C-alpha atoms as a PDB file:
ATOM      1  CA  MET A   1      29.158  -9.418 -65.832  1.00  0.00           C
ATOM      2  CA  ALA A   2      26.106  -9.548 -63.662  1.00  0.00           C
ATOM      3  CA  LYS A   3      24.628  -6.363 -62.622  1.00  0.00           C
ATOM      4  CA  TYR A   4      25.596  -7.174 -58.630  1.00  0.00           C
ATOM      5  CA  GLU A   5      28.863  -7.503 -59.950  1.00  0.00           C
ATOM      6  CA  GLU A   6      29.062  -3.973 -61.332  1.00  0.00           C
ATOM      7  CA  ALA A   7      27.545  -2.671 -58.510  1.00  0.00           C
ATOM      8  CA  LYS A   8      30.383  -3.956 -55.575  1.00  0.00           C
ATOM      9  CA  ALA A   9      33.393  -2.661 -59.178  1.00  0.00           C
ATOM     10  CA  MET A  10      31.919   0.418 -58.636  1.00  0.00           C
ATOM     11  CA  TYR A  11      31.611   1.097 -54.973  1.00  0.00           C
ATOM     12  CA  LYS A  12      35.235  -0.137 -55.048  1.00  0.00           C
ATOM     13  CA  THR A  13      35.758   2.205 -56.733  1.00  0.00           C
ATOM     14  CA  LEU A  14      33.916   4.791 -54.993  1.00  0.00           C
ATOM     15  CA  CYS A  15      35.775   3.705 -51.861  1.00  0.00           C
ATOM     16  CA  GLN A  16      38.889   3.619 -53.368  1.00  0.00           C
ATOM     17  CA  THR A  17      38.488   7.168 -54.685  1.00  0.00           C
ATOM     18  CA  LEU A  18      37.823   8.658 -51.001  1.00  0.00           C
ATOM     19  CA  ASN A  19      40.618   6.473 -49.643  1.00  0.00           C
ATOM     20  CA  ASN A  20      42.938   8.281 -51.791  1.00  0.00           C
ATOM     21  CA  ILE A  21      42.076  11.688 -51.059  1.00  0.00           C
ATOM     22  CA  GLU A  22      41.233  11.300 -47.772  1.00  0.00           C
ATOM     23  CA  TRP A  23      38.819  11.815 -46.894  1.00  0.00           C
ATOM     24  CA  ARG A  24      36.631   9.762 -43.969  1.00  0.00           C
ATOM     25  CA  TYR A  25      33.357   7.960 -44.586  1.00  0.00           C
ATOM     26  CA  ASN A  26      31.144   5.476 -43.173  1.00  0.00           C
ATOM     27  CA  GLY A  27      30.082   2.328 -46.604  1.00  0.00           C
ATOM     28  CA  GLU A  28      28.188  -0.805 -45.783  1.00  0.00           C
ATOM     29  CA  GLU A  29      26.412  -2.855 -48.083  1.00  0.00           C
ATOM     30  CA  LYS A  30      22.709  -2.753 -47.715  1.00  0.00           C
ATOM     31  CA  ASP A  31      19.621  -4.469 -49.937  1.00  0.00           C
ATOM     32  CA  ASP A  32      20.482  -3.590 -53.775  1.00  0.00           C
ATOM     33  CA  GLN A  33      22.451  -1.082 -52.780  1.00  0.00           C
ATOM     34  CA  PHE A  34      26.175  -0.041 -51.714  1.00  0.00           C
ATOM     35  CA  VAL A  35      25.689   3.138 -49.453  1.00  0.00           C
ATOM     36  CA  VAL A  36      28.205   6.073 -48.307  1.00  0.00           C
ATOM     37  CA  GLU A  37      27.461   8.736 -46.011  1.00  0.00           C
ATOM     38  CA  THR A  38      29.653  11.187 -45.193  1.00  0.00           C
ATOM     39  CA  ALA A  39      30.542  15.405 -45.457  1.00  0.00           C
ATOM     40  CA  ALA A  40      33.362  17.999 -46.336  1.00  0.00           C
ATOM     41  CA  VAL A  41      33.002  21.360 -44.827  1.00  0.00           C
ATOM     42  CA  GLY A  42      32.298  24.681 -47.238  1.00  0.00           C
ATOM     43  CA  SER A  43      33.241  27.880 -46.171  1.00  0.00           C
ATOM     44  CA  ASP A  44      30.564  27.473 -43.792  1.00  0.00           C
ATOM     45  CA  LEU A  45      28.928  24.936 -43.010  1.00  0.00           C
ATOM     46  CA  LYS A  46      28.891  20.907 -42.860  1.00  0.00           C
ATOM     47  CA  MET A  47      27.271  19.343 -45.239  1.00  0.00           C
ATOM     48  CA  GLY A  48      26.253  16.046 -45.733  1.00  0.00           C
ATOM     49  CA  LEU A  49      26.516  13.280 -48.662  1.00  0.00           C
ATOM     50  CA  HIS A  50      25.304  10.542 -49.515  1.00  0.00           C
ATOM     51  CA  ILE A  51      25.844   8.338 -51.753  1.00  0.00           C
ATOM     52  CA  LEU A  52      23.833   5.794 -53.097  1.00  0.00           C
ATOM     53  CA  ILE A  53      25.155   2.444 -55.936  1.00  0.00           C
ATOM     54  CA  GLU A  54      21.821   1.211 -56.967  1.00  0.00           C
ATOM     55  CA  VAL A  55      22.198  -2.771 -58.425  1.00  0.00           C
ATOM     56  CA  ASP A  56      19.340  -2.830 -59.932  1.00  0.00           C
ATOM     57  CA  ARG A  57      18.905   0.362 -62.609  1.00  0.00           C
ATOM     58  CA  GLN A  58      23.002   0.906 -62.771  1.00  0.00           C
ATOM     59  CA  LEU A  59      23.674   3.936 -61.281  1.00  0.00           C
ATOM     60  CA  MET A  60      25.390   6.231 -59.239  1.00  0.00           C
ATOM     61  CA  TYR A  61      23.212   8.934 -56.780  1.00  0.00           C
ATOM     62  CA  LEU A  62      24.679  11.348 -54.678  1.00  0.00           C
ATOM     63  CA  LYS A  63      22.457  13.237 -52.914  1.00  0.00           C
ATOM     64  CA  SER A  64      23.087  16.461 -50.346  1.00  0.00           C
ATOM     65  CA  PRO A  65      20.729  18.093 -48.311  1.00  0.00           C
ATOM     66  CA  MET A  66      20.640  21.802 -47.627  1.00  0.00           C
ATOM     67  CA  PRO A  67      20.998  21.874 -43.955  1.00  0.00           C
ATOM     68  CA  PHE A  68      17.028  23.571 -43.651  1.00  0.00           C
ATOM     69  CA  ARG A  69      14.141  22.731 -44.529  1.00  0.00           C
ATOM     70  CA  ALA A  70      11.967  26.023 -46.401  1.00  0.00           C
ATOM     71  CA  PRO A  71       9.351  27.142 -43.954  1.00  0.00           C
ATOM     72  CA  GLU A  72       5.979  26.777 -45.132  1.00  0.00           C
ATOM     73  CA  ASP A  73       5.013  30.001 -46.064  1.00  0.00           C
ATOM     74  CA  LYS A  74       8.255  30.516 -48.044  1.00  0.00           C
ATOM     75  CA  ILE A  75       7.406  27.365 -49.571  1.00  0.00           C
ATOM     76  CA  ASP A  76       6.524  28.743 -52.700  1.00  0.00           C
ATOM     77  CA  LEU A  77       9.988  31.447 -53.844  1.00  0.00           C
ATOM     78  CA  LEU A  78      11.749  28.568 -52.782  1.00  0.00           C
ATOM     79  CA  GLY A  79      10.177  26.710 -54.807  1.00  0.00           C
ATOM     80  CA  LYS A  80      10.669  28.696 -57.895  1.00  0.00           C
ATOM     81  CA  ALA A  81      15.015  29.585 -56.982  1.00  0.00           C
ATOM     82  CA  VAL A  82      15.568  26.245 -57.404  1.00  0.00           C
ATOM     83  CA  LEU A  83      13.434  26.194 -60.648  1.00  0.00           C
ATOM     84  CA  ILE A  84      16.210  30.133 -61.459  1.00  0.00           C
ATOM     85  CA  ALA A  85      19.101  27.797 -59.774  1.00  0.00           C
ATOM     86  CA  ASN A  86      18.452  24.572 -61.897  1.00  0.00           C
ATOM     87  CA  TYR A  87      17.645  26.675 -65.210  1.00  0.00           C
ATOM     88  CA  SER A  88      21.361  27.672 -64.812  1.00  0.00           C
ATOM     89  CA  MET A  89      23.268  23.901 -64.067  1.00  0.00           C
ATOM     90  CA  LEU A  90      24.483  22.114 -66.337  1.00  0.00           C
ATOM     91  CA  ASN A  91      25.550  19.012 -64.224  1.00  0.00           C
ATOM     92  CA  GLY A  92      23.332  17.961 -61.443  1.00  0.00           C
ATOM     93  CA  SER A  93      20.223  19.745 -60.182  1.00  0.00           C
ATOM     94  CA  PHE A  94      18.536  20.928 -57.037  1.00  0.00           C
ATOM     95  CA  GLU A  95      14.998  18.722 -55.715  1.00  0.00           C
ATOM     96  CA  MET A  96      12.923  20.766 -53.613  1.00  0.00           C
ATOM     97  CA  ASP A  97       9.557  18.520 -51.438  1.00  0.00           C
ATOM     98  CA  LEU A  98       6.703  21.016 -51.541  1.00  0.00           C
ATOM     99  CA  SER A  99       5.722  19.380 -48.239  1.00  0.00           C
ATOM    100  CA  ASP A 100       7.675  19.865 -45.931  1.00  0.00           C
ATOM    101  CA  GLY A 101      10.089  22.316 -48.091  1.00  0.00           C
ATOM    102  CA  TYR A 102      12.872  19.913 -47.744  1.00  0.00           C
ATOM    103  CA  ILE A 103      15.782  21.265 -50.784  1.00  0.00           C
ATOM    104  CA  ALA A 104      18.672  18.379 -51.750  1.00  0.00           C
ATOM    105  CA  PHE A 105      21.297  18.781 -54.541  1.00  0.00           C
ATOM    106  CA  LYS A 106      21.270  16.204 -56.183  1.00  0.00           C
ATOM    107  CA  ILE A 107      23.904  14.075 -58.854  1.00  0.00           C
ATOM    108  CA  VAL A 108      22.644  11.021 -60.879  1.00  0.00           C
ATOM    109  CA  VAL A 109      25.749   9.491 -63.299  1.00  0.00           C
ATOM    110  CA  PRO A 110      24.493   5.617 -64.884  1.00  0.00           C
ATOM    111  CA  PHE A 111      27.064   2.856 -65.403  1.00  0.00           C
ATOM    112  CA  MET A 112      25.743   0.162 -66.994  1.00  0.00           C
ATOM    113  CA  SER A 113      28.343  -2.072 -68.744  1.00  0.00           C
ATOM    114  CA  SER A 114      30.730   0.643 -67.835  1.00  0.00           C
ATOM    115  CA  MET A 115      32.591   1.119 -64.989  1.00  0.00           C
ATOM    116  CA  ILE A 116      32.408   5.416 -63.797  1.00  0.00           C
ATOM    117  CA  SER A 117      36.512   5.983 -63.127  1.00  0.00           C
ATOM    118  CA  THR A 118      37.191   7.433 -59.780  1.00  0.00           C
ATOM    119  CA  GLU A 119      38.131  10.582 -62.211  1.00  0.00           C
ATOM    120  CA  VAL A 120      33.810  11.072 -62.322  1.00  0.00           C
ATOM    121  CA  CYS A 121      33.660  10.224 -58.710  1.00  0.00           C
ATOM    122  CA  ARG A 122      35.568  12.372 -58.075  1.00  0.00           C
ATOM    123  CA  TYR A 123      34.240  15.013 -60.155  1.00  0.00           C
ATOM    124  CA  MET A 124      30.073  13.958 -58.673  1.00  0.00           C
ATOM    125  CA  ILE A 125      31.352  14.722 -54.861  1.00  0.00           C
ATOM    126  CA  ILE A 126      33.785  18.345 -56.114  1.00  0.00           C
ATOM    127  CA  VAL A 127      30.333  19.488 -58.275  1.00  0.00           C
ATOM    128  CA  SER A 128      28.111  18.322 -55.228  1.00  0.00           C
ATOM    129  CA  CYS A 129      29.557  20.152 -53.118  1.00  0.00           C
ATOM    130  CA  ASN A 130      30.627  23.525 -54.738  1.00  0.00           C
ATOM    131  CA  MET A 131      26.336  23.714 -55.481  1.00  0.00           C
ATOM    132  CA  VAL A 132      25.598  23.562 -51.642  1.00  0.00           C
ATOM    133  CA  ASP A 133      28.486  25.953 -51.016  1.00  0.00           C
ATOM    134  CA  CYS A 134      26.673  28.462 -54.045  1.00  0.00           C
ATOM    135  CA  PHE A 135      24.022  27.953 -53.154  1.00  0.00           C
ATOM    136  CA  ASN A 136      22.812  27.061 -49.638  1.00  0.00           C
ATOM    137  CA  ASP A 137      22.976  31.134 -48.454  1.00  0.00           C
ATOM    138  CA  LYS A 138      21.512  32.458 -50.717  1.00  0.00           C
ATOM    139  CA  PHE A 139      18.804  29.857 -50.208  1.00  0.00           C
ATOM    140  CA  GLN A 140      17.883  30.765 -46.799  1.00  0.00           C
ATOM    141  CA  ALA A 141      18.361  34.234 -46.865  1.00  0.00           C
ATOM    142  CA  LEU A 142      15.823  34.481 -49.312  1.00  0.00           C
ATOM    143  CA  CYS A 143      13.414  31.982 -46.589  1.00  0.00           C
ATOM    144  CA  ASP A 144      15.128  34.795 -44.084  1.00  0.00           C
ATOM    145  CA  GLY A 145      13.441  36.923 -45.776  1.00  0.00           C
ATOM    146  CA  LYS A 146      17.147  38.416 -46.817  1.00  0.00           C
ATOM    147  CA  MET A 147      16.907  38.525 -50.106  1.00  0.00           C
ATOM    148  CA  THR A 148      14.371  39.155 -52.659  1.00  0.00           C
ATOM    149  CA  LEU A 149      13.214  36.886 -55.560  1.00  0.00           C
ATOM    150  CA  GLN A 150      14.752  38.830 -58.684  1.00  0.00           C
ATOM    151  CA  GLU A 151      18.397  39.192 -56.353  1.00  0.00           C
ATOM    152  CA  PHE A 152      18.563  35.116 -56.188  1.00  0.00           C
ATOM    153  CA  GLN A 153      18.483  35.076 -59.957  1.00  0.00           C
ATOM    154  CA  ASP A 154      20.036  38.402 -60.763  1.00  0.00           C
ATOM    155  CA  PHE A 155      23.300  36.635 -58.483  1.00  0.00           C
ATOM    156  CA  VAL A 156      22.689  33.232 -60.908  1.00  0.00           C
ATOM    157  CA  GLU A 157      23.182  35.069 -63.836  1.00  0.00           C
ATOM    158  CA  ASN A 158      25.614  36.389 -63.158  1.00  0.00           C
ATOM    159  CA  SER A 159      28.081  34.147 -60.669  1.00  0.00           C
ATOM    160  CA  ASP A 160      30.706  32.349 -61.973  1.00  0.00           C
ATOM    161  CA  ARG A 161      30.030  28.483 -60.969  1.00  0.00           C
END
């Protein structure tokens, strides 16, 4: 199966997954990728979910940005917190742009010459929502000076995710 056809089938599976769980989204094909924009509401915030299916790289990539950016004077502290959080994770990771304090959770699944099931699509969404919901308050507390890095590390070591 050609790369484009595989990516198109993967996009169809992703849309089917979202339709099956009655999840509202906007989807489109642009350039060499299929794009889905959606959001989820966690315990305290709305989380954006940007899902890309890249034709050439044969992967599905989900990114969920934090609803804030780390202030310049907290970037080093948040960078350490991101490292601590990532060390505890089996799937997915946070990424941070040191130039502007942007933080997002991301998870990537390749699908070369194979198809990802609706269950894997749902798993990606659930993991992303859970991780953002789990960590956004803690990252924000670090930015606001309401939590120390040691308290963050204690949270990570003792949390049940």
